[in-house]
Every structure is written in C-alpha cells, then in structure tokens.
Protein backbone atom coordinates (compact mmCIF):
# COMPACT_ATOMS: atom_id res chain seq x y z
CA MET A 1 -20.17 -8.51 -11.81
CA ILE A 2 -19.97 -8.60 -8.00
CA LEU A 3 -22.94 -8.20 -5.67
CA ALA A 4 -22.44 -6.82 -2.16
CA ALA A 5 -25.44 -7.91 -0.09
CA GLY A 6 -26.54 -7.60 3.52
CA LEU A 7 -29.49 -6.50 5.63
CA THR A 8 -27.93 -4.39 8.38
CA PRO A 9 -26.13 -1.26 7.12
CA ALA A 10 -25.44 1.67 9.43
CA TRP A 11 -25.06 5.41 9.46
CA GLN A 12 -21.61 5.83 10.97
CA GLN A 13 -20.35 8.61 13.23
CA ILE A 14 -16.56 8.86 13.66
CA LEU A 15 -15.43 10.96 16.64
CA VAL A 16 -11.73 11.76 17.04
CA PHE A 17 -10.28 12.79 20.42
CA ASP A 18 -6.74 13.80 21.35
CA GLN A 19 -7.27 11.73 24.46
CA LEU A 20 -10.40 10.08 25.82
CA PHE A 21 -11.21 10.16 29.54
CA LEU A 22 -13.98 7.82 30.69
CA GLY A 23 -16.52 9.37 33.05
CA GLU A 24 -15.64 12.92 31.97
CA VAL A 25 -16.80 15.43 29.36
CA ASN A 26 -14.79 14.85 26.15
CA ARG A 27 -14.83 17.24 23.20
CA ALA A 28 -14.06 15.78 19.79
CA THR A 29 -11.40 17.38 17.63
CA GLU A 30 -12.98 15.90 14.47
CA VAL A 31 -16.41 14.53 13.62
CA HIS A 32 -17.19 12.64 10.40
CA CYS A 33 -20.31 10.80 9.23
CA CYS A 34 -20.71 8.30 6.40
CA ALA A 35 -22.72 5.34 5.10
CA SER A 36 -21.26 2.17 6.60
CA GLY A 37 -22.04 -1.24 8.07
CA LYS A 38 -20.59 -4.33 6.45
CA VAL A 39 -22.73 -4.40 3.32
CA LEU A 40 -22.17 -0.74 2.44
CA ASN A 41 -18.49 -0.91 3.38
CA VAL A 42 -18.03 -3.77 0.92
CA GLY A 43 -19.96 -1.89 -1.77
CA VAL A 44 -17.89 1.27 -1.27
CA ALA A 45 -14.65 -0.73 -1.30
CA LEU A 46 -15.58 -2.56 -4.51
CA HIS A 47 -16.43 0.74 -6.19
CA HIS A 48 -13.09 2.27 -5.23
CA LEU A 49 -11.29 -0.85 -6.44
CA GLY A 50 -12.85 -0.30 -9.86
CA ALA A 51 -14.83 -3.55 -9.82
CA SER A 52 -18.11 -3.90 -11.70
CA SER A 53 -20.47 -4.16 -8.75
CA ARG A 54 -23.88 -3.50 -7.26
CA THR A 55 -24.95 -3.24 -3.63
CA LEU A 56 -28.22 -4.50 -2.18
CA ALA A 57 -29.17 -3.25 1.28
CA ALA A 58 -32.21 -2.54 3.43
CA GLY A 59 -32.87 0.64 5.37
CA GLY A 60 -35.41 3.11 6.65
CA GLY A 61 -35.98 6.44 8.39
CA TRP A 62 -33.88 9.59 8.21
CA SER A 63 -30.65 7.54 8.16
CA LEU A 64 -31.73 5.87 4.90
CA ALA A 65 -31.85 9.25 3.18
CA ALA A 66 -28.42 10.11 4.60
CA MET A 67 -26.90 6.83 3.41
CA GLN A 68 -28.46 7.15 -0.04
CA ALA A 69 -27.08 10.67 -0.43
CA ASP A 70 -23.59 9.59 0.63
CA LEU A 71 -23.50 6.62 -1.74
CA GLN A 72 -24.87 8.72 -4.58
CA GLN A 73 -22.11 11.26 -4.06
CA LEU A 74 -19.52 8.47 -4.17
CA GLY A 75 -21.13 6.97 -7.28
CA VAL A 76 -21.81 3.57 -5.68
CA PRO A 77 -24.69 1.78 -7.48
CA CYS A 78 -27.11 0.58 -4.81
CA ARG A 79 -30.58 -0.99 -4.64
CA TRP A 80 -32.59 -0.53 -1.45
CA ILE A 81 -35.41 -2.37 0.25
CA THR A 82 -37.21 0.22 2.39
CA THR A 83 -38.01 -0.87 5.94
CA SER A 84 -40.45 0.52 8.47
CA VAL A 85 -37.74 0.76 11.16
CA PRO A 86 -34.99 3.41 10.99
CA THR A 87 -31.53 2.18 10.10
CA ARG A 88 -29.20 1.96 13.09
CA VAL A 89 -26.56 4.55 13.93
CA CYS A 90 -23.14 3.31 15.05
CA THR A 91 -20.28 5.33 16.50
CA THR A 92 -16.51 4.91 16.24
CA VAL A 93 -14.49 6.65 18.95
CA LEU A 94 -10.82 7.20 18.11
CA ASP A 95 -8.45 8.06 20.96
CA SER A 96 -5.41 9.45 19.13
CA GLY A 97 -3.28 9.79 22.26
CA GLY A 98 -3.89 6.29 23.51
CA GLN A 99 -4.14 4.84 19.98
CA MET A 100 -7.38 3.13 20.96
CA THR A 101 -10.46 2.46 18.83
CA THR A 102 -13.84 1.92 20.49
CA GLU A 103 -16.91 0.87 18.52
CA LEU A 104 -20.41 1.61 19.84
CA VAL A 105 -22.80 -0.61 17.88
CA GLU A 106 -26.58 -0.33 17.75
CA ASN A 107 -28.43 -3.53 16.88
CA SER A 108 -30.68 -3.62 13.85
CA GLY A 109 -34.43 -3.20 14.35
CA VAL A 110 -37.11 -5.81 13.72
CA PHE A 111 -38.02 -6.44 10.05
CA SER A 112 -41.49 -7.53 9.07
CA ALA A 113 -41.96 -10.88 7.35
CA ASP A 114 -42.88 -8.98 4.18
CA GLU A 115 -39.66 -6.93 4.32
CA LEU A 116 -37.56 -10.08 4.72
CA ALA A 117 -39.40 -11.63 1.76
CA GLN A 118 -38.89 -8.49 -0.33
CA TYR A 119 -35.17 -8.57 0.37
CA GLN A 120 -34.92 -12.25 -0.56
CA HIS A 121 -36.75 -11.61 -3.83
CA ALA A 122 -34.46 -8.69 -4.70
CA TYR A 123 -31.39 -10.70 -3.74
CA LEU A 124 -32.32 -13.55 -6.06
CA GLU A 125 -32.81 -11.09 -8.92
CA GLU A 126 -29.44 -9.40 -8.31
CA ALA A 127 -27.48 -12.58 -7.56
CA ALA A 128 -28.63 -14.15 -10.82
CA ALA A 129 -26.37 -11.73 -12.71
CA ALA A 130 -23.37 -11.90 -10.34
CA GLU A 131 -20.23 -13.99 -10.76
CA VAL A 132 -19.27 -13.34 -7.13
CA VAL A 133 -21.48 -12.39 -4.17
CA VAL A 134 -20.20 -10.94 -0.89
CA LEU A 135 -22.88 -11.68 1.69
CA SER A 136 -22.07 -10.06 5.01
CA GLY A 137 -23.26 -8.68 8.31
CA SER A 138 -25.61 -9.67 11.09
CA LEU A 139 -29.25 -10.52 10.50
CA PRO A 140 -32.17 -8.50 11.89
CA ILE A 141 -32.98 -9.95 15.31
CA ASN A 142 -36.22 -11.61 14.13
CA ALA A 143 -34.87 -13.10 10.90
CA PRO A 144 -34.71 -16.91 10.68
CA GLU A 145 -31.32 -18.37 11.60
CA THR A 146 -31.37 -20.14 8.22
CA TYR A 147 -31.91 -16.95 6.19
CA TYR A 148 -28.35 -16.80 4.85
CA ARG A 149 -28.29 -20.57 4.28
CA ASP A 150 -31.29 -20.24 1.99
CA LEU A 151 -29.77 -17.31 0.08
CA VAL A 152 -26.47 -19.13 -0.45
CA ALA A 153 -28.27 -22.26 -1.63
CA ARG A 154 -29.98 -20.26 -4.39
CA THR A 155 -26.92 -18.28 -5.50
CA PRO A 156 -25.48 -19.41 -8.85
CA GLY A 157 -22.15 -17.60 -8.42
CA ARG A 158 -19.36 -17.97 -5.86
CA VAL A 159 -20.28 -16.68 -2.39
CA VAL A 160 -17.86 -14.93 -0.05
CA LEU A 161 -19.66 -15.20 3.30
CA ASP A 162 -18.71 -12.89 6.17
CA VAL A 163 -21.05 -13.91 9.01
CA ARG A 164 -20.69 -15.62 12.38
CA GLY A 165 -22.53 -17.67 14.95
CA ILE A 166 -25.44 -19.94 14.21
CA GLU A 167 -26.06 -18.17 10.89
CA LEU A 168 -22.62 -19.31 9.72
CA LEU A 169 -23.11 -22.88 10.93
CA HIS A 170 -26.42 -23.17 9.09
CA ALA A 171 -24.96 -21.60 5.92
CA LEU A 172 -22.18 -24.20 5.73
CA HIS A 173 -24.81 -26.72 4.61
CA SER A 174 -25.22 -24.68 1.40
CA LYS A 175 -21.47 -24.98 0.64
CA PRO A 176 -20.31 -21.35 0.30
CA PHE A 177 -17.17 -20.81 -1.75
CA LEU A 178 -15.35 -18.90 1.01
CA VAL A 179 -16.15 -17.95 4.61
CA LYS A 180 -14.23 -15.34 6.60
CA PRO A 181 -15.08 -14.89 10.27
CA ASN A 182 -12.33 -13.44 12.43
CA ARG A 183 -10.55 -15.52 15.04
CA ALA A 184 -12.64 -14.32 18.00
CA GLU A 185 -15.88 -14.82 16.05
CA LEU A 186 -14.89 -18.35 15.08
CA ALA A 187 -14.02 -19.23 18.68
CA LYS A 188 -17.40 -17.96 19.85
CA THR A 189 -19.23 -19.67 16.98
CA LEU A 190 -17.70 -23.06 17.77
CA ASN A 191 -17.50 -22.49 21.53
CA ARG A 192 -13.81 -23.41 21.48
CA ASN A 193 -10.57 -21.95 22.80
CA LEU A 194 -8.57 -21.04 19.69
CA HIS A 195 -5.59 -19.30 21.30
CA GLN A 196 -3.21 -21.93 19.97
CA ASP A 197 -2.56 -21.94 16.22
CA ALA A 198 -2.95 -25.72 16.04
CA ASP A 199 -6.45 -25.44 17.52
CA LEU A 200 -7.32 -22.68 15.05
CA GLN A 201 -6.15 -24.77 12.10
CA ALA A 202 -8.20 -27.74 13.27
CA ALA A 203 -11.29 -25.54 13.59
CA MET A 204 -10.76 -24.16 10.07
CA LEU A 205 -10.51 -27.65 8.60
CA ASP A 206 -13.73 -28.54 10.41
CA LEU A 207 -15.44 -25.68 8.54
CA ASN A 208 -14.04 -27.05 5.29
CA ALA A 209 -15.37 -30.49 6.14
CA SER A 210 -18.78 -28.98 6.95
CA GLY A 211 -19.13 -27.35 3.54
CA ALA A 212 -16.89 -24.30 3.07
CA ARG A 213 -14.56 -24.72 0.11
CA TRP A 214 -12.18 -22.07 1.48
CA VAL A 215 -11.83 -20.59 4.97
CA VAL A 216 -10.11 -17.27 5.68
CA ILE A 217 -9.54 -16.21 9.30
CA THR A 218 -8.41 -12.71 10.20
CA ASP A 219 -7.00 -11.62 13.55
CA GLY A 220 -6.63 -7.84 13.61
CA PRO A 221 -3.08 -6.82 12.66
CA HIS A 222 -1.82 -10.40 13.02
CA ALA A 223 -1.45 -13.18 10.46
CA VAL A 224 -4.32 -14.22 8.22
CA TRP A 225 -4.95 -17.96 7.93
CA VAL A 226 -6.35 -19.69 4.84
CA SER A 227 -7.46 -23.30 4.49
CA SER A 228 -8.78 -25.62 1.84
CA ALA A 229 -9.97 -29.16 2.54
CA SER A 230 -6.42 -30.47 2.92
CA GLN A 231 -4.01 -27.56 3.42
CA VAL A 232 -3.54 -24.49 5.64
CA TRP A 233 -1.52 -21.38 4.79
CA LYS A 234 -0.33 -18.45 6.89
CA LEU A 235 -0.24 -15.00 5.30
CA GLN A 236 1.59 -12.14 6.99
CA PRO A 237 0.19 -8.63 6.39
CA PRO A 238 2.42 -5.58 5.81
CA GLN A 239 3.45 -3.26 8.63
CA ILE A 240 1.39 -0.06 8.67
CA ASP A 241 0.58 2.94 10.86
CA VAL A 242 -3.04 2.42 11.91
CA VAL A 243 -5.44 5.39 11.80
CA ASN A 244 -8.84 3.65 11.92
CA PRO A 245 -9.17 -0.15 11.64
CA ILE A 246 -12.96 -0.10 11.20
CA GLY A 247 -13.94 -1.55 7.81
CA SER A 248 -10.70 -3.47 7.32
CA GLY A 249 -12.44 -6.85 7.34
CA ASP A 250 -14.93 -5.54 4.79
CA SER A 251 -12.09 -4.20 2.65
CA LEU A 252 -10.49 -7.65 2.79
CA ALA A 253 -13.72 -9.28 1.63
CA ALA A 254 -14.07 -6.76 -1.20
CA GLY A 255 -10.44 -7.17 -2.22
CA VAL A 256 -10.81 -10.95 -2.36
CA ALA A 257 -14.05 -10.70 -4.36
CA ALA A 258 -12.61 -8.19 -6.85
CA ALA A 259 -9.60 -10.41 -7.49
CA LEU A 260 -11.73 -13.55 -7.83
CA ASP A 261 -13.98 -11.76 -10.31
CA ALA A 262 -10.87 -10.83 -12.29
CA GLY A 263 -9.85 -14.50 -12.52
CA VAL A 264 -7.17 -14.52 -9.85
CA GLU A 265 -6.58 -17.77 -7.91
CA VAL A 266 -7.63 -17.85 -4.27
CA LEU A 267 -4.36 -17.37 -2.37
CA GLU A 268 -3.40 -14.42 -4.54
CA ALA A 269 -6.92 -13.03 -4.15
CA VAL A 270 -6.50 -13.21 -0.37
CA ARG A 271 -3.16 -11.37 -0.67
CA HIS A 272 -5.03 -8.63 -2.53
CA GLY A 273 -7.66 -8.63 0.19
CA ILE A 274 -5.05 -8.32 2.95
CA ALA A 275 -3.42 -5.39 1.16
CA SER A 276 -6.85 -3.75 0.81
CA ALA A 277 -7.48 -4.20 4.53
CA ALA A 278 -4.07 -2.78 5.40
CA TYR A 279 -4.60 0.31 3.27
CA ASN A 280 -8.05 0.82 4.78
CA ALA A 281 -6.60 0.87 8.30
CA THR A 282 -4.36 3.82 7.35
CA GLN A 283 -7.38 5.98 6.44
CA LEU A 284 -9.94 7.76 8.61
CA LEU A 285 -13.08 6.94 6.58
CA PRO A 286 -13.79 3.25 5.93
CA CYS A 287 -13.25 1.52 2.59
CA ARG A 288 -12.18 4.53 0.51
CA LEU A 289 -9.46 2.48 -1.17
CA ASP A 290 -6.60 3.37 -3.53
CA PRO A 291 -5.88 0.53 -6.01
CA GLN A 292 -2.30 1.66 -6.73
CA ARG A 293 -1.33 1.79 -3.06
CA ILE A 294 -2.97 -1.59 -2.57
CA ARG A 295 -0.88 -3.09 -5.37
CA ASP A 296 2.24 -1.77 -3.62
CA LEU A 297 1.16 -3.22 -0.27
CA GLN A 298 0.29 -6.59 -1.85
CA THR A 299 3.95 -7.17 -2.68
CA GLN A 300 4.66 -7.04 1.07
CA VAL A 301 2.18 -9.82 1.96
CA THR A 302 4.06 -13.08 2.48
CA VAL A 303 2.63 -16.60 2.17
CA SER A 304 3.87 -19.78 3.83
CA VAL A 305 2.49 -23.27 4.34
CA ALA A 306 1.34 -23.66 7.94
CA LYS A 307 3.28 -26.09 10.11
C-alpha cells in the first residue's frame, strides 16, 4: 500500500484564455475547479494508476467540503484532519495563444499546535501500514522546520520526499529513500548556482552523502537526473504537446511510488514516473492519468550514464 501525505492541499481554479493581456480585462474561455495541491495530486495520480493507496491531508472551511466532494466522486480514499483555517485556493492561468502557464499560489494558513499533533498522530497510524510513502508539499508557516524530518524518522516504509528548502535539509538526517526537488528548488535550497550540469551532479551527490539514498531532479521539459551514492544518470523524457504542466512533478512522484510498490527497481521506476509526468502535461486537469498511455510513453524515455 502507498500513502500520499502532506499538510497543504488546495482548491484549484484553472482559467483558460485565448490570449492573456496584463493590465486589461480578460474573459476566460474555460473555467475548471478541482481538488489539488501536491498531496491530493499524488493521491489522485496513484488512484488513476491503479495503485493500492490512501491519502492523508488537512483542510478546513468551504474548500474542504469542495475537495472532499471532488475526491469522493473520483473514488480516491482519503483521511482528513480538519483545521480551523480554510484551505487555500490556488489559480492556474493558461494562455493558449502565448502557450504560457502562470500559477497564482496562496500560502497555507496557520495550524494550531493541536492540529499539527493530530496530523502527526494520523500519519503514524497510516504510515505503519504503507510500503511506500510519498510525503510532499510545503509546511504550514508556523510548523517546525523539523516536522518532516520527524515524520520520516518514524516511517517504517520507503519515503519518497518531495519538499525543498530547510525542511529538506533537516529531513536528510532521517535518511529518506528518495528525494525529488526540481533544479530551481535545489539551487535555492543549497544557495548555489546549478546552471552547469557538473555543478548539479555535485549537488545531487552531496544530498546522497547527507542521507538521501536516491536523488531525482526534474527540470520542466528537460532531462531528469538521478543519483545514488556513487553514480549519476540522465533520463530524457518523451516529446509531447503541453496543455497544462501543473501536477507533472506530483505525477512523477506517484509514478515512481507505484512502480516501487510493484517491485520495480529504481531507475525503471523513475522512467515510469517521467512517463506519468509527460502524460499529465498533455491534459487540462492535473493527475488524471491513463496507465496504458503511460506505458507507451515509458518506452520513449531514454537512460544514459552521466558524463
């Protein structure tokens, strides 16, 4: 079983425009709303991949009811910790003419100490039955920087950790199985310039040395990099026509976790994750995946040893 866990879901608005003009009145040609945010995206993706999974999230207010209804309609099994603050609303703006995606992100509200404790208790209950855990997303602004570190340390299964910044650096001490920040997030986390591939590879190996067994670095439509303690690989994703890239990183995490749970070795699991991300980017709503199309795309993902 796979657990998708995180504290900062979102109710997502997706607005589509033929062309977006800043500073002017713009009328959307399409409007869609759905449950989203990293934790829910991973849960939705796992469900569509056919994996045995559960999702643990925290939410409150009118947006909680909306997210619960959406996930129920999709059939995604989810456990909620109810918070006193409403769950954030985020907006994706798609400019079809300019082929531009703009994300307007609301930060999560403040959780009480009791709500953070409730979530930790529920997490430990759920993680005890999971072979793989995908732990992802930002923390509420008042949560301890070591919150994820403490969860990882008490997780019996393999952890796929999709976080950044100081939370990631602290969590490395608990030796997560796999971490997957993107290239820009890693550069900001380490306060380094990672424009050159050699610098990126060195930074990845530093994460391995600090506790991560595997490191996976995404970079939008570009190559995905994977490292163990002694080796780095470069994986090239398939060519696709992008509709909406939002949720592709979450689809990658879910694809990796589903393959790991099925007994697939890591590099092949990452290939499955890359194919999942690629398929997601061709769809308007995030993480509504098609396993057959993903299998087809996976054959187009190439792997080479980094030089």
